[in-house]
Protein backbone atom coordinates (compact mmCIF):
# COMPACT_ATOMS: atom_id res chain seq x y z
CA ASN A 1 39.71 15.95 -34.68
CA THR A 2 40.99 13.67 -37.43
CA GLY A 3 39.40 12.98 -40.76
CA SER A 4 36.47 10.63 -40.87
CA THR A 5 38.67 7.63 -41.73
CA GLY A 6 41.48 8.38 -39.29
CA THR A 7 45.09 9.47 -39.32
CA TYR A 8 47.91 7.06 -40.17
CA ASN A 9 51.52 7.70 -39.34
CA ILE A 10 54.90 6.05 -39.11
CA GLY A 11 57.88 7.00 -36.99
CA LEU A 12 61.65 6.92 -37.41
CA ARG A 13 64.19 7.52 -34.66
CA VAL A 14 67.86 7.80 -35.60
CA PRO A 15 70.41 7.89 -32.74
CA LEU A 16 73.35 10.20 -33.35
CA MET A 17 75.46 9.34 -30.29
CA ARG A 18 74.32 6.66 -27.84
CA GLY A 19 73.32 3.54 -29.78
CA TRP A 20 74.42 4.91 -33.17
CA ARG A 21 76.99 2.27 -34.18
CA THR A 22 77.13 0.27 -30.94
CA ASN A 23 74.05 -1.09 -29.26
CA ALA A 24 72.89 -4.21 -27.48
CA ARG A 25 71.53 -5.99 -30.56
CA GLU A 26 74.54 -5.21 -32.74
CA ALA A 27 76.87 -6.28 -29.93
CA ALA A 28 75.03 -9.57 -29.43
CA GLU A 29 75.37 -10.30 -33.15
CA ARG A 30 79.10 -9.59 -33.10
CA GLN A 31 79.60 -11.76 -30.03
CA ALA A 32 77.67 -14.57 -31.68
CA ARG A 33 80.00 -14.38 -34.69
CA ILE A 34 83.03 -14.53 -32.36
CA GLY A 35 81.41 -17.50 -30.62
CA GLU A 36 81.74 -19.64 -33.76
CA PRO A 37 85.58 -19.73 -33.83
CA LEU A 38 85.51 -20.02 -30.04
CA ALA A 39 83.47 -23.22 -30.36
CA ASP A 40 85.90 -24.41 -33.06
CA ALA A 41 88.84 -23.84 -30.71
CA SER A 42 87.13 -25.82 -27.94
CA PHE A 43 86.39 -28.64 -30.37
CA ALA A 44 90.01 -28.65 -31.61
CA ASP A 45 91.22 -28.89 -28.00
CA VAL A 46 89.00 -31.90 -27.25
CA ARG A 47 89.88 -33.53 -30.58
CA LEU A 48 93.62 -33.22 -30.03
CA ASP A 49 93.27 -34.53 -26.46
CA THR A 50 91.42 -37.55 -27.80
CA LEU A 51 94.02 -38.17 -30.50
CA TYR A 52 96.81 -37.85 -27.93
CA ASN A 53 95.21 -40.38 -25.58
CA ALA A 54 94.46 -42.75 -28.46
CA ALA A 55 98.01 -42.55 -29.83
CA THR A 56 99.47 -43.12 -26.36
CA GLN A 57 97.30 -46.19 -25.86
CA TYR A 58 98.17 -47.40 -29.36
CA TRP A 59 101.84 -47.69 -28.41
CA ASN A 60 100.92 -49.48 -25.18
CA TRP A 61 99.04 -51.96 -27.34
CA VAL A 62 101.96 -52.40 -29.75
CA ALA A 63 104.47 -52.87 -26.93
CA ALA A 64 102.24 -55.43 -25.18
CA HIS A 65 102.05 -57.53 -28.34
CA ARG A 66 105.81 -57.40 -28.87
CA ARG A 67 106.30 -58.58 -25.29
CA VAL A 68 104.02 -61.54 -26.10
CA GLN A 69 106.25 -62.36 -29.07
CA VAL A 70 109.36 -62.33 -26.89
CA ALA A 71 107.69 -64.60 -24.31
CA GLN A 72 106.52 -66.96 -27.06
CA SER A 73 109.99 -67.15 -28.59
CA LEU A 74 111.51 -67.82 -25.18
CA LEU A 75 108.99 -70.62 -24.57
CA ASN A 76 109.65 -72.19 -27.97
CA VAL A 77 113.35 -72.47 -27.14
CA ALA A 78 112.57 -74.12 -23.80
CA VAL A 79 110.14 -76.60 -25.38
CA GLU A 80 112.67 -77.66 -28.02
CA ARG A 81 115.38 -78.01 -25.39
CA GLU A 82 113.07 -80.10 -23.18
CA LYS A 83 112.57 -82.58 -26.03
CA GLN A 84 116.27 -82.66 -26.78
CA ILE A 85 117.27 -83.24 -23.17
CA ALA A 86 114.59 -85.91 -22.73
CA ASP A 87 116.16 -87.83 -25.63
CA GLU A 88 119.65 -87.34 -24.20
CA VAL A 89 118.50 -88.60 -20.78
CA LYS A 90 117.05 -91.69 -22.43
CA GLY A 91 120.35 -92.20 -24.23
CA GLY A 92 122.29 -91.88 -20.99
CA ILE A 93 124.05 -88.71 -22.13
CA ARG A 94 122.49 -86.55 -19.43
CA GLN A 95 121.24 -87.05 -15.92
CA GLY A 96 117.56 -87.08 -15.00
CA ILE A 97 117.94 -83.84 -13.04
CA ASP A 98 118.48 -81.97 -16.32
CA ALA A 99 115.12 -83.21 -17.58
CA PHE A 100 113.44 -81.84 -14.44
CA GLU A 101 115.28 -78.56 -14.87
CA ALA A 102 114.08 -78.29 -18.48
CA GLU A 103 110.50 -79.14 -17.53
CA VAL A 104 110.41 -76.54 -14.74
CA GLU A 105 111.75 -73.92 -17.13
CA VAL A 106 109.02 -74.71 -19.65
CA ARG A 107 106.33 -74.30 -16.99
CA ARG A 108 107.90 -71.02 -15.83
CA ARG A 109 107.94 -69.64 -19.37
CA GLN A 110 104.39 -70.83 -20.04
CA GLU A 111 103.22 -68.82 -17.05
CA ALA A 112 105.18 -65.78 -18.28
CA LEU A 113 103.56 -66.13 -21.71
CA SER A 114 100.08 -66.34 -20.20
CA LYS A 115 100.75 -63.23 -18.15
CA SER A 116 101.99 -61.28 -21.18
CA GLU A 117 98.95 -62.40 -23.20
CA GLN A 118 96.69 -61.22 -20.39
CA GLU A 119 98.43 -57.83 -20.39
CA PHE A 120 98.06 -57.60 -24.16
CA GLN A 121 94.33 -58.29 -23.88
CA LYS A 122 93.97 -55.48 -21.34
CA GLU A 123 95.77 -53.04 -23.64
CA GLN A 124 93.67 -54.28 -26.54
CA PHE A 125 90.45 -53.46 -24.66
CA LYS A 126 91.76 -50.02 -23.67
CA PHE A 127 92.76 -49.23 -27.24
CA GLY A 128 89.36 -50.39 -28.47
CA LEU A 129 87.76 -47.51 -26.54
CA TYR A 130 89.11 -45.12 -29.18
CA LEU A 131 87.86 -47.03 -32.20
CA TRP A 132 84.44 -46.13 -33.62
CA SER A 133 82.86 -45.68 -37.00
CA SER A 134 81.84 -42.38 -38.61
CA GLU A 135 78.28 -43.15 -37.43
CA GLY A 136 79.49 -43.19 -33.82
CA LYS A 137 79.26 -46.98 -33.40
CA ARG A 138 81.91 -48.98 -31.58
CA GLU A 139 84.27 -50.94 -33.80
CA ALA A 140 85.52 -54.45 -33.01
CA TYR A 141 88.61 -54.73 -30.83
CA PRO A 142 91.75 -54.59 -32.98
CA PRO A 143 93.17 -58.08 -33.62
CA ALA A 144 96.81 -58.92 -33.00
CA GLU A 145 97.34 -59.25 -36.76
CA GLN A 146 97.01 -55.47 -37.08
CA VAL A 147 99.99 -54.78 -34.83
CA PRO A 148 102.86 -53.49 -37.02
CA THR A 149 105.73 -55.90 -37.49
CA SER A 150 108.31 -53.15 -36.99
CA THR A 151 108.53 -49.76 -35.28
CA PRO A 152 110.52 -46.66 -36.27
CA THR A 153 114.04 -46.42 -34.94
CA PRO A 154 114.29 -43.63 -32.32
CA VAL A 155 116.23 -40.53 -33.30
CA ALA A 156 117.32 -37.44 -31.36
CA TYR A 157 115.62 -34.07 -31.93
CA SER A 158 117.66 -30.92 -32.62
CA ALA A 159 117.52 -27.83 -30.40
CA SER A 160 116.71 -25.61 -33.40
CA ARG A 161 113.44 -27.46 -33.86
CA LEU A 162 112.52 -26.85 -30.21
CA GLU A 163 112.62 -23.06 -30.47
CA LYS A 164 110.42 -23.03 -33.56
CA GLU A 165 107.89 -25.40 -32.04
CA ARG A 166 107.79 -23.46 -28.77
CA VAL A 167 106.90 -20.23 -30.59
CA ARG A 168 104.27 -21.95 -32.70
CA ALA A 169 102.73 -23.65 -29.67
CA THR A 170 102.26 -20.38 -27.78
CA GLU A 171 100.47 -18.91 -30.80
CA SER A 172 98.40 -21.80 -32.17
CA ARG A 173 97.29 -23.82 -29.15
CA PRO A 174 93.48 -23.89 -28.82
CA GLU A 175 93.72 -22.67 -25.23
CA ILE A 176 95.45 -19.46 -26.37
CA ARG A 177 92.94 -18.93 -29.16
CA SER A 178 90.07 -19.48 -26.74
CA ILE A 179 91.42 -16.87 -24.33
CA ARG A 180 91.94 -14.35 -27.12
CA LEU A 181 88.44 -14.90 -28.47
CA ALA A 182 87.02 -14.55 -24.95
CA LYS A 183 88.87 -11.22 -24.72
CA ALA A 184 87.33 -10.16 -28.05
CA ILE A 185 83.86 -10.90 -26.66
CA LEU A 186 84.59 -8.84 -23.55
CA LYS A 187 85.85 -5.95 -25.66
CA VAL A 188 82.44 -5.84 -27.34
CA ASP A 189 80.88 -5.55 -23.87
CA GLN A 190 83.40 -2.80 -23.15
CA GLU A 191 82.31 -0.88 -26.24
CA VAL A 192 78.66 -1.20 -25.22
CA ALA A 193 79.44 0.05 -21.70
CA LYS A 194 81.37 3.03 -23.06
CA ASN A 195 78.52 3.79 -25.46
CA ASP A 196 76.04 3.72 -22.59
CA LEU A 197 77.94 6.59 -20.98
CA LEU A 198 77.10 8.86 -23.93
CA PRO A 199 74.04 11.15 -23.91
CA ASN A 200 70.99 10.35 -26.01
CA VAL A 201 70.87 12.54 -29.10
CA ASP A 202 68.18 11.30 -31.50
CA ILE A 203 66.60 12.67 -34.64
CA VAL A 204 62.88 11.86 -34.70
CA VAL A 205 60.95 11.90 -38.00
CA ASN A 206 57.19 11.25 -37.87
CA PRO A 207 55.35 11.55 -41.23
CA ALA A 208 51.55 11.05 -41.16
CA ILE A 209 48.46 11.36 -43.36
CA ASP A 210 44.96 12.40 -42.30
CA THR A 211 42.24 10.72 -44.43
CA GLY A 212 38.51 10.99 -45.08
CA ALA A 213 36.11 13.90 -44.75
CA ASN A 214 37.40 17.01 -42.93
CA SER A 215 40.99 15.67 -43.18
CA ILE A 216 44.01 17.91 -43.49
CA GLY A 217 46.04 15.48 -45.67
CA GLY A 218 49.75 14.91 -45.18
CA GLN A 219 51.70 16.19 -42.24
CA MET A 220 55.26 15.86 -40.90
CA LYS A 221 56.80 16.11 -37.48
CA VAL A 222 60.58 16.41 -37.18
CA GLY A 223 62.43 16.86 -33.93
CA LEU A 224 65.66 16.41 -32.00
CA GLN A 225 65.65 14.67 -28.63
CA PHE A 226 68.52 15.22 -26.20
CA ALA A 227 68.85 13.52 -22.81
CA VAL A 228 71.72 13.18 -20.36
CA PRO A 229 71.20 10.85 -17.38
CA LEU A 230 72.27 12.35 -14.07
CA GLU A 231 73.68 9.03 -12.88
CA ARG A 232 75.29 6.41 -15.09
CA ARG A 233 76.39 3.98 -12.41
CA THR A 234 75.12 0.91 -14.31
CA ALA A 235 77.32 1.65 -17.33
CA GLN A 236 80.28 2.64 -15.15
CA GLY A 237 79.92 -0.53 -13.11
CA LYS A 238 79.74 -2.62 -16.27
CA LEU A 239 82.82 -0.90 -17.64
CA GLY A 240 84.75 -1.61 -14.43
CA GLU A 241 83.64 -5.23 -14.44
CA VAL A 242 84.75 -5.74 -18.05
CA ARG A 243 88.10 -4.09 -17.32
CA LEU A 244 88.78 -6.48 -14.45
CA LYS A 245 87.76 -9.50 -16.55
CA LEU A 246 90.10 -8.40 -19.35
CA GLU A 247 92.97 -8.05 -16.88
CA LYS A 248 92.20 -11.52 -15.54
CA LEU A 249 92.22 -13.01 -19.05
CA GLN A 250 95.48 -11.24 -19.83
CA GLN A 251 97.11 -12.84 -16.79
CA GLU A 252 95.61 -16.22 -17.70
CA GLU A 253 97.02 -15.92 -21.21
CA GLN A 254 100.49 -15.17 -19.87
CA LEU A 255 100.31 -18.08 -17.43
CA GLN A 256 99.01 -20.40 -20.14
CA LYS A 257 101.91 -19.46 -22.43
CA GLN A 258 104.38 -20.27 -19.68
CA GLN A 259 102.70 -23.63 -19.04
CA ILE A 260 102.76 -24.41 -22.77
CA GLU A 261 106.46 -23.64 -22.99
CA VAL A 262 107.10 -25.97 -20.04
CA GLU A 263 105.03 -28.72 -21.70
CA VAL A 264 106.94 -28.38 -24.98
CA ASP A 265 110.33 -28.30 -23.23
CA THR A 266 109.42 -31.32 -21.08
CA ALA A 267 108.21 -33.35 -24.07
CA PHE A 268 111.35 -32.41 -26.04
CA ALA A 269 113.63 -33.42 -23.17
CA ASN A 270 111.76 -36.72 -22.76
CA ILE A 271 112.34 -37.54 -26.42
CA ASN A 272 116.10 -37.08 -26.24
CA GLN A 273 116.46 -38.69 -22.81
CA THR A 274 114.46 -41.71 -23.95
CA TYR A 275 116.62 -41.88 -27.08
CA LEU A 276 119.75 -42.14 -24.91
CA ARG A 277 118.08 -44.87 -22.82
CA TYR A 278 117.25 -46.70 -26.05
CA LEU A 279 120.90 -46.67 -27.15
CA ALA A 280 122.00 -48.05 -23.78
CA ALA A 281 119.26 -50.72 -23.82
CA THR A 282 120.20 -51.94 -27.30
CA GLN A 283 123.80 -52.29 -26.17
CA GLU A 284 122.57 -54.26 -23.16
CA VAL A 285 120.71 -56.63 -25.51
CA GLU A 286 123.86 -57.22 -27.55
CA ALA A 287 125.87 -57.96 -24.42
CA ALA A 288 123.16 -60.28 -23.06
CA ARG A 289 123.08 -62.18 -26.35
CA ALA A 290 126.85 -62.58 -26.28
CA LEU A 291 126.72 -63.94 -22.73
CA GLU A 292 123.85 -66.25 -23.67
CA LYS A 293 125.76 -67.63 -26.64
CA GLY A 294 128.89 -68.11 -24.53
CA GLU A 295 126.97 -70.00 -21.85
CA ARG A 296 125.27 -72.16 -24.47
CA ASP A 297 128.66 -72.98 -26.02
CA ARG A 298 130.02 -73.93 -22.58
CA LEU A 299 127.03 -76.22 -22.07
CA ALA A 300 127.70 -77.90 -25.41
CA LEU A 301 131.30 -78.51 -24.29
CA GLY A 302 130.12 -79.95 -21.00
CA GLU A 303 131.49 -77.08 -18.92
CA GLY A 304 128.29 -75.11 -18.25
CA THR A 305 124.94 -75.93 -16.69
CA LEU A 306 121.40 -75.82 -17.97
CA PHE A 307 120.47 -73.59 -15.06
CA LEU A 308 122.91 -70.90 -16.18
CA VAL A 309 121.77 -71.16 -19.82
CA ASN A 310 118.19 -70.63 -18.75
CA GLN A 311 119.24 -67.62 -16.70
CA ARG A 312 121.15 -66.13 -19.63
CA GLU A 313 118.18 -66.63 -21.95
CA ARG A 314 115.84 -64.97 -19.49
CA ALA A 315 118.29 -62.09 -19.09
CA THR A 316 118.34 -61.61 -22.87
CA ALA A 317 114.54 -61.66 -22.98
CA GLU A 318 114.38 -59.10 -20.17
CA ALA A 319 116.80 -56.86 -22.08
CA GLN A 320 114.67 -57.20 -25.22
CA ILE A 321 111.53 -56.30 -23.26
CA LYS A 322 113.33 -53.27 -21.85
CA VAL A 323 114.07 -52.12 -25.41
CA ILE A 324 110.44 -52.67 -26.39
CA ASN A 325 109.20 -50.63 -23.42
CA ILE A 326 111.67 -47.83 -24.10
CA GLN A 327 110.67 -47.72 -27.78
CA ALA A 328 107.04 -47.37 -26.71
CA GLU A 329 107.99 -44.62 -24.25
CA TYR A 330 109.91 -42.86 -27.02
CA GLU A 331 106.94 -42.94 -29.39
CA GLN A 332 104.68 -41.71 -26.59
CA ALA A 333 107.13 -38.88 -25.92
CA VAL A 334 106.93 -37.95 -29.61
CA VAL A 335 103.14 -38.04 -29.37
CA ALA A 336 103.27 -35.77 -26.31
CA TYR A 337 105.59 -33.40 -28.19
CA LEU A 338 103.26 -33.22 -31.19
CA ALA A 339 100.24 -32.74 -28.96
CA SER A 340 102.00 -30.03 -26.92
CA THR A 341 101.96 -27.74 -29.96
CA ARG A 342 98.21 -28.38 -30.37
CA SER A 343 98.33 -27.17 -33.98
CA GLU A 344 96.17 -28.41 -36.83
CA GLU A 345 99.38 -29.19 -38.72
CA HIS A 346 100.19 -31.93 -36.22
CA THR A 347 96.69 -33.37 -36.04
CA SER A 348 97.29 -35.54 -39.11
CA GLU A 349 100.57 -36.79 -37.61
CA LEU A 350 98.75 -37.86 -34.44
CA GLN A 351 96.17 -39.67 -36.54
């Protein structure tokens, strides 16, 4: 019998082995804390991918506009020559066939200009996909006036830089950080599984107070509970599962490092190979200009033909366009090289 107003007690159980420092709630809290940098790594990966795609499209946009400028310049020359030849035909200096030749060339170059403008518009729309405000609203398509008037001159990269960047990439890429954080989460599960193999050894403290008439006042119960499960297959199975997952992540990390090294090496090689192509293309432009000038001088002396002059001018324009395309490829190779390291240090450079 208790006192007339009842007995009131509280209880305290303190685990000494199983569940002492490692338990399901504590493990869930630790894994949640690890989940924060894991989410940051995933965000950084997506962000760098977006910046890489945007930067690549940016150089497509720049190159398309420069090709428009070459086509426009080529057309302007043809238009001026058409007027000049028309006057010379009227004056009896040239034959009427030259006027037809000049007119056909103007029409041909007008069509080429229209095509290059159409290509520029396509690249403009594609680039516009990556432009939005801080509120998440789409910005207007970038006008042609925002295209830079000049681009950096390509340079070769040194081999010493490659080794440093390769090491940094295999340590700082978000994919590597994500794998390592995933391993940290699994190691928490491993600790819980190992802890579940331990026996239960708990100190139990149960103070109480008996109140009212016929009560006996305060009382205390203190005990030690010890239990060892005969079978611990659940914990053993969990431990085996975690071990296999950790081995899998270890292999994935090794494979990812190898893939990263290949990406960095490929991007580095593309930079230097494109640089060599740029040097050859610029020399081709100089040679094409020399041939164009020579053919134009021959025409002025009455030895050449308008047909050959037009061909030489188109050849020069094609060589210039080749340089423009190679410059864009070079800048895109640099972008790929920066993105292959996937480090926060290079994020600002991509921007």
